[in-house]
């Protein structure tokens, strides 16, 4: 488990990250306090992003009623 920018981001988290004024969906493969490895779900190679470089993002939180 890792905490990045005040949110709990861990392996399996789903993020929307803003890249060039466009929102992209990313799956967190690994995370710690220093960096995250993201699968951008577009067929490209996963990327490593340092926490200070992550920029604007939204953490997806599933509605408990979905269970």
PDB file of N, CA and C in Angstrom:
ATOM      1  N   UNK A   1       0.837  -1.183   0.000  1.00  0.00           N
ATOM      2  CA  UNK A   1       0.000   0.000   0.000  1.00  0.00           C
ATOM      3  C   UNK A   1       0.872   1.233   0.000  1.00  0.00           C
ATOM      4  N   UNK A   2       0.454   2.221  -0.725  1.00  0.00           N
ATOM      5  CA  UNK A   2       1.206   3.459  -0.735  1.00  0.00           C
ATOM      6  C   UNK A   2       0.285   4.649  -0.677  1.00  0.00           C
ATOM      7  N   UNK A   3       0.771   5.706  -0.099  1.00  0.00           N
ATOM      8  CA  UNK A   3       0.004   6.939  -0.066  1.00  0.00           C
ATOM      9  C   UNK A   3       0.682   7.938  -0.979  1.00  0.00           C
ATOM     10  N   UNK A   4      -0.045   8.405  -1.958  1.00  0.00           N
ATOM     11  CA  UNK A   4       0.493   9.365  -2.910  1.00  0.00           C
ATOM     12  C   UNK A   4      -0.419  10.582  -2.910  1.00  0.00           C
ATOM     13  N   UNK A   5       0.129  11.733  -2.608  1.00  0.00           N
ATOM     14  CA  UNK A   5      -0.620  12.994  -2.632  1.00  0.00           C
ATOM     15  C   UNK A   5      -1.878  12.952  -1.777  1.00  0.00           C
ATOM     16  N   UNK A   6      -1.803  12.261  -0.630  1.00  0.00           N
ATOM     17  CA  UNK A   6      -2.908  12.278   0.311  1.00  0.00           C
ATOM     18  C   UNK A   6      -3.979  11.229   0.077  1.00  0.00           C
ATOM     19  N   UNK A   7      -4.010  10.564  -1.062  1.00  0.00           N
ATOM     20  CA  UNK A   7      -4.975   9.497  -1.327  1.00  0.00           C
ATOM     21  C   UNK A   7      -4.280   8.161  -1.173  1.00  0.00           C
ATOM     22  N   UNK A   8      -5.031   7.139  -0.784  1.00  0.00           N
ATOM     23  CA  UNK A   8      -4.459   5.813  -0.723  1.00  0.00           C
ATOM     24  C   UNK A   8      -4.546   5.198  -2.112  1.00  0.00           C
ATOM     25  N   UNK A   9      -3.412   5.084  -2.730  1.00  0.00           N
ATOM     26  CA  UNK A   9      -3.316   4.473  -4.050  1.00  0.00           C
ATOM     27  C   UNK A   9      -2.527   3.195  -3.873  1.00  0.00           C
ATOM     28  N   UNK A  10      -3.107   2.096  -4.305  1.00  0.00           N
ATOM     29  CA  UNK A  10      -2.453   0.806  -4.147  1.00  0.00           C
ATOM     30  C   UNK A  10      -2.638  -0.016  -5.409  1.00  0.00           C
ATOM     31  N   UNK A  11      -1.923  -1.123  -5.500  1.00  0.00           N
ATOM     32  CA  UNK A  11      -2.068  -2.008  -6.655  1.00  0.00           C
ATOM     33  C   UNK A  11      -3.539  -2.356  -6.823  1.00  0.00           C
ATOM     34  N   UNK A  12      -4.025  -2.216  -8.032  1.00  0.00           N
ATOM     35  CA  UNK A  12      -5.427  -2.489  -8.326  1.00  0.00           C
ATOM     36  C   UNK A  12      -6.301  -1.251  -8.357  1.00  0.00           C
ATOM     37  N   UNK A  13      -5.797  -0.123  -7.860  1.00  0.00           N
ATOM     38  CA  UNK A  13      -6.568   1.118  -7.924  1.00  0.00           C
ATOM     39  C   UNK A  13      -6.755   1.536  -9.375  1.00  0.00           C
ATOM     40  N   UNK A  14      -7.846   2.203  -9.640  1.00  0.00           N
ATOM     41  CA  UNK A  14      -8.103   2.745 -10.975  1.00  0.00           C
ATOM     42  C   UNK A  14      -8.058   4.270 -10.868  1.00  0.00           C
ATOM     43  N   UNK A  15      -7.244   4.868 -11.717  1.00  0.00           N
ATOM     44  CA  UNK A  15      -7.096   6.322 -11.731  1.00  0.00           C
ATOM     45  C   UNK A  15      -7.499   6.865 -13.088  1.00  0.00           C
ATOM     46  N   UNK A  16      -7.916   8.100 -13.091  1.00  0.00           N
ATOM     47  CA  UNK A  16      -7.993   8.879 -14.313  1.00  0.00           C
ATOM     48  C   UNK A  16      -6.913   9.926 -14.162  1.00  0.00           C
ATOM     49  N   UNK A  17      -5.989   9.964 -15.096  1.00  0.00           N
ATOM     50  CA  UNK A  17      -4.880  10.918 -15.054  1.00  0.00           C
ATOM     51  C   UNK A  17      -5.012  11.885 -16.214  1.00  0.00           C
ATOM     52  N   UNK A  18      -4.669  13.135 -15.954  1.00  0.00           N
ATOM     53  CA  UNK A  18      -4.770  14.156 -16.989  1.00  0.00           C
ATOM     54  C   UNK A  18      -3.431  14.282 -17.700  1.00  0.00           C
ATOM     55  N   UNK A  19      -3.453  14.031 -19.011  1.00  0.00           N
ATOM     56  CA  UNK A  19      -2.260  14.129 -19.847  1.00  0.00           C
ATOM     57  C   UNK A  19      -2.609  14.997 -21.047  1.00  0.00           C
ATOM     58  N   UNK A  20      -1.917  16.111 -21.187  1.00  0.00           N
ATOM     59  CA  UNK A  20      -2.162  17.027 -22.315  1.00  0.00           C
ATOM     60  C   UNK A  20      -3.639  17.408 -22.434  1.00  0.00           C
ATOM     61  N   UNK A  21      -4.246  17.823 -21.321  1.00  0.00           N
ATOM     62  CA  UNK A  21      -5.648  18.251 -21.265  1.00  0.00           C
ATOM     63  C   UNK A  21      -6.646  17.153 -21.651  1.00  0.00           C
ATOM     64  N   UNK A  22      -6.227  15.903 -21.530  1.00  0.00           N
ATOM     65  CA  UNK A  22      -7.101  14.779 -21.844  1.00  0.00           C
ATOM     66  C   UNK A  22      -7.045  13.795 -20.670  1.00  0.00           C
ATOM     67  N   UNK A  23      -8.210  13.254 -20.273  1.00  0.00           N
ATOM     68  CA  UNK A  23      -8.263  12.285 -19.179  1.00  0.00           C
ATOM     69  C   UNK A  23      -8.072  10.883 -19.726  1.00  0.00           C
ATOM     70  N   UNK A  24      -7.128  10.129 -19.114  1.00  0.00           N
ATOM     71  CA  UNK A  24      -6.851   8.755 -19.490  1.00  0.00           C
ATOM     72  C   UNK A  24      -7.085   7.846 -18.291  1.00  0.00           C
ATOM     73  N   UNK A  25      -7.603   6.662 -18.526  1.00  0.00           N
ATOM     74  CA  UNK A  25      -7.803   5.687 -17.466  1.00  0.00           C
ATOM     75  C   UNK A  25      -6.527   4.882 -17.289  1.00  0.00           C
ATOM     76  N   UNK A  26      -6.152   4.641 -16.042  1.00  0.00           N
ATOM     77  CA  UNK A  26      -4.942   3.872 -15.759  1.00  0.00           C
ATOM     78  C   UNK A  26      -5.189   2.933 -14.584  1.00  0.00           C
ATOM     79  N   UNK A  27      -4.645   1.743 -14.698  1.00  0.00           N
ATOM     80  CA  UNK A  27      -4.688   0.760 -13.620  1.00  0.00           C
ATOM     81  C   UNK A  27      -3.343   0.802 -12.909  1.00  0.00           C
ATOM     82  N   UNK A  28      -3.367   0.874 -11.583  1.00  0.00           N
ATOM     83  CA  UNK A  28      -2.138   0.909 -10.798  1.00  0.00           C
ATOM     84  C   UNK A  28      -1.641  -0.526 -10.626  1.00  0.00           C
ATOM     85  N   UNK A  29      -0.454  -0.792 -11.156  1.00  0.00           N
ATOM     86  CA  UNK A  29       0.135  -2.128 -11.027  1.00  0.00           C
ATOM     87  C   UNK A  29       0.910  -2.266  -9.720  1.00  0.00           C
ATOM     88  N   UNK A  30       1.669  -1.251  -9.357  1.00  0.00           N
ATOM     89  CA  UNK A  30       2.425  -1.198  -8.102  1.00  0.00           C
ATOM     90  C   UNK A  30       2.460   0.251  -7.635  1.00  0.00           C
ATOM     91  N   UNK A  31       2.522   0.441  -6.311  1.00  0.00           N
ATOM     92  CA  UNK A  31       2.581   1.807  -5.782  1.00  0.00           C
ATOM     93  C   UNK A  31       3.336   1.831  -4.460  1.00  0.00           C
ATOM     94  N   UNK A  32       4.075   2.912  -4.242  1.00  0.00           N
ATOM     95  CA  UNK A  32       4.652   3.197  -2.935  1.00  0.00           C
ATOM     96  C   UNK A  32       4.661   4.708  -2.769  1.00  0.00           C
ATOM     97  N   UNK A  33       5.283   5.197  -1.724  1.00  0.00           N
ATOM     98  CA  UNK A  33       5.257   6.638  -1.462  1.00  0.00           C
ATOM     99  C   UNK A  33       6.040   7.447  -2.492  1.00  0.00           C
ATOM    100  N   UNK A  34       6.912   6.802  -3.245  1.00  0.00           N
ATOM    101  CA  UNK A  34       7.764   7.516  -4.183  1.00  0.00           C
ATOM    102  C   UNK A  34       7.274   7.481  -5.622  1.00  0.00           C
ATOM    103  N   UNK A  35       6.600   6.392  -6.030  1.00  0.00           N
ATOM    104  CA  UNK A  35       6.230   6.253  -7.439  1.00  0.00           C
ATOM    105  C   UNK A  35       5.100   5.246  -7.603  1.00  0.00           C
ATOM    106  N   UNK A  36       4.501   5.274  -8.793  1.00  0.00           N
ATOM    107  CA  UNK A  36       3.488   4.283  -9.169  1.00  0.00           C
ATOM    108  C   UNK A  36       3.846   3.734 -10.549  1.00  0.00           C
ATOM    109  N   UNK A  37       3.478   2.490 -10.786  1.00  0.00           N
ATOM    110  CA  UNK A  37       3.589   1.911 -12.117  1.00  0.00           C
ATOM    111  C   UNK A  37       2.178   1.801 -12.645  1.00  0.00           C
ATOM    112  N   UNK A  38       1.925   2.447 -13.781  1.00  0.00           N
ATOM    113  CA  UNK A  38       0.583   2.539 -14.344  1.00  0.00           C
ATOM    114  C   UNK A  38       0.475   1.800 -15.665  1.00  0.00           C
ATOM    115  N   UNK A  39      -0.620   1.070 -15.827  1.00  0.00           N
ATOM    116  CA  UNK A  39      -0.996   0.497 -17.117  1.00  0.00           C
ATOM    117  C   UNK A  39      -2.063   1.434 -17.660  1.00  0.00           C
ATOM    118  N   UNK A  40      -1.786   2.092 -18.771  1.00  0.00           N
ATOM    119  CA  UNK A  40      -2.711   3.075 -19.319  1.00  0.00           C
ATOM    120  C   UNK A  40      -3.891   2.453 -20.066  1.00  0.00           C
ATOM    121  N   UNK A  41      -3.973   1.133 -20.057  1.00  0.00           N
ATOM    122  CA  UNK A  41      -5.119   0.417 -20.643  1.00  0.00           C
ATOM    123  C   UNK A  41      -5.311   0.743 -22.119  1.00  0.00           C
ATOM    124  N   UNK A  42      -4.190   1.012 -22.812  1.00  0.00           N
ATOM    125  CA  UNK A  42      -4.279   1.341 -24.233  1.00  0.00           C
ATOM    126  C   UNK A  42      -3.376   0.451 -25.091  1.00  0.00           C
ATOM    127  N   UNK A  43      -2.862  -0.611 -24.496  1.00  0.00           N
ATOM    128  CA  UNK A  43      -1.986  -1.516 -25.219  1.00  0.00           C
ATOM    129  C   UNK A  43      -0.518  -1.132 -25.175  1.00  0.00           C
ATOM    130  N   UNK A  44      -0.205   0.015 -24.572  1.00  0.00           N
ATOM    131  CA  UNK A  44       1.186   0.457 -24.487  1.00  0.00           C
ATOM    132  C   UNK A  44       1.876  -0.203 -23.284  1.00  0.00           C
ATOM    133  N   UNK A  45       3.185  -0.046 -23.219  1.00  0.00           N
ATOM    134  CA  UNK A  45       3.971  -0.557 -22.098  1.00  0.00           C
ATOM    135  C   UNK A  45       3.638   0.239 -20.838  1.00  0.00           C
ATOM    136  N   UNK A  46       3.528  -0.423 -19.674  1.00  0.00           N
ATOM    137  CA  UNK A  46       3.295   0.316 -18.427  1.00  0.00           C
ATOM    138  C   UNK A  46       4.368   1.377 -18.195  1.00  0.00           C
ATOM    139  N   UNK A  47       3.995   2.426 -17.479  1.00  0.00           N
ATOM    140  CA  UNK A  47       4.905   3.544 -17.218  1.00  0.00           C
ATOM    141  C   UNK A  47       5.118   3.721 -15.729  1.00  0.00           C
ATOM    142  N   UNK A  48       6.298   4.185 -15.376  1.00  0.00           N
ATOM    143  CA  UNK A  48       6.627   4.523 -13.993  1.00  0.00           C
ATOM    144  C   UNK A  48       6.505   6.025 -13.848  1.00  0.00           C
ATOM    145  N   UNK A  49       5.739   6.462 -12.848  1.00  0.00           N
ATOM    146  CA  UNK A  49       5.542   7.889 -12.615  1.00  0.00           C
ATOM    147  C   UNK A  49       5.889   8.192 -11.164  1.00  0.00           C
ATOM    148  N   UNK A  50       6.834   9.097 -10.969  1.00  0.00           N
ATOM    149  CA  UNK A  50       7.181   9.515  -9.596  1.00  0.00           C
ATOM    150  C   UNK A  50       6.019  10.324  -9.038  1.00  0.00           C
ATOM    151  N   UNK A  51       5.805  10.238  -7.741  1.00  0.00           N
ATOM    152  CA  UNK A  51       4.642  10.883  -7.127  1.00  0.00           C
ATOM    153  C   UNK A  51       4.585  12.381  -7.415  1.00  0.00           C
ATOM    154  N   UNK A  52       5.729  13.054  -7.438  1.00  0.00           N
ATOM    155  CA  UNK A  52       5.724  14.496  -7.704  1.00  0.00           C
ATOM    156  C   UNK A  52       5.434  14.822  -9.167  1.00  0.00           C
ATOM    157  N   UNK A  53       5.506  13.824 -10.044  1.00  0.00           N
ATOM    158  CA  UNK A  53       5.224  14.025 -11.469  1.00  0.00           C
ATOM    159  C   UNK A  53       3.809  13.595 -11.859  1.00  0.00           C
ATOM    160  N   UNK A  54       3.081  13.021 -10.927  1.00  0.00           N
ATOM    161  CA  UNK A  54       1.769  12.455 -11.252  1.00  0.00           C
ATOM    162  C   UNK A  54       0.791  13.505 -11.758  1.00  0.00           C
ATOM    163  N   UNK A  55       0.864  14.695 -11.236  1.00  0.00           N
ATOM    164  CA  UNK A  55      -0.026  15.755 -11.716  1.00  0.00           C
ATOM    165  C   UNK A  55      -1.463  15.543 -11.298  1.00  0.00           C
ATOM    166  N   UNK A  56      -2.384  16.023 -12.127  1.00  0.00           N
ATOM    167  CA  UNK A  56      -3.805  15.963 -11.804  1.00  0.00           C
ATOM    168  C   UNK A  56      -4.350  14.558 -12.060  1.00  0.00           C
ATOM    169  N   UNK A  57      -5.058  14.030 -11.078  1.00  0.00           N
ATOM    170  CA  UNK A  57      -5.649  12.708 -11.219  1.00  0.00           C
ATOM    171  C   UNK A  57      -6.916  12.608 -10.386  1.00  0.00           C
ATOM    172  N   UNK A  58      -7.735  11.604 -10.718  1.00  0.00           N
ATOM    173  CA  UNK A  58      -8.934  11.290  -9.935  1.00  0.00           C
ATOM    174  C   UNK A  58      -8.862   9.815  -9.594  1.00  0.00           C
ATOM    175  N   UNK A  59      -9.080   9.487  -8.332  1.00  0.00           N
ATOM    176  CA  UNK A  59      -9.072   8.104  -7.867  1.00  0.00           C
ATOM    177  C   UNK A  59     -10.486   7.561  -7.919  1.00  0.00           C
ATOM    178  N   UNK A  60     -10.684   6.472  -8.664  1.00  0.00           N
ATOM    179  CA  UNK A  60     -12.004   5.848  -8.761  1.00  0.00           C
ATOM    180  C   UNK A  60     -12.290   5.103  -7.475  1.00  0.00           C
ATOM    181  N   UNK A  61     -13.462   5.342  -6.909  1.00  0.00           N
ATOM    182  CA  UNK A  61     -13.901   4.628  -5.722  1.00  0.00           C
ATOM    183  C   UNK A  61     -15.257   3.995  -6.028  1.00  0.00           C
ATOM    184  N   UNK A  62     -15.295   2.686  -5.999  1.00  0.00           N
ATOM    185  CA  UNK A  62     -16.544   1.968  -6.314  1.00  0.00           C
ATOM    186  C   UNK A  62     -17.596   2.227  -5.251  1.00  0.00           C
ATOM    187  N   UNK A  63     -18.824   2.298  -5.686  1.00  0.00           N
ATOM    188  CA  UNK A  63     -19.955   2.446  -4.791  1.00  0.00           C
ATOM    189  C   UNK A  63     -20.142   1.137  -4.034  1.00  0.00           C
ATOM    190  N   UNK A  64     -20.240   1.190  -2.716  1.00  0.00           N
ATOM    191  CA  UNK A  64     -20.395  -0.004  -1.897  1.00  0.00           C
ATOM    192  C   UNK A  64     -21.627  -0.819  -2.284  1.00  0.00           C
ATOM    193  N   UNK A  65     -22.632  -0.174  -2.867  1.00  0.00           N
ATOM    194  CA  UNK A  65     -23.864  -0.866  -3.277  1.00  0.00           C
ATOM    195  C   UNK A  65     -23.617  -1.839  -4.435  1.00  0.00           C
ATOM    196  N   UNK A  66     -22.488  -1.710  -5.129  1.00  0.00           N
ATOM    197  CA  UNK A  66     -22.176  -2.590  -6.254  1.00  0.00           C
ATOM    198  C   UNK A  66     -21.830  -4.006  -5.813  1.00  0.00           C
ATOM    199  N   UNK A  67     -21.466  -4.167  -4.551  1.00  0.00           N
ATOM    200  CA  UNK A  67     -21.077  -5.500  -4.045  1.00  0.00           C
ATOM    201  C   UNK A  67     -22.248  -6.381  -3.873  1.00  0.00           C
TER     202      UNK A  67
END
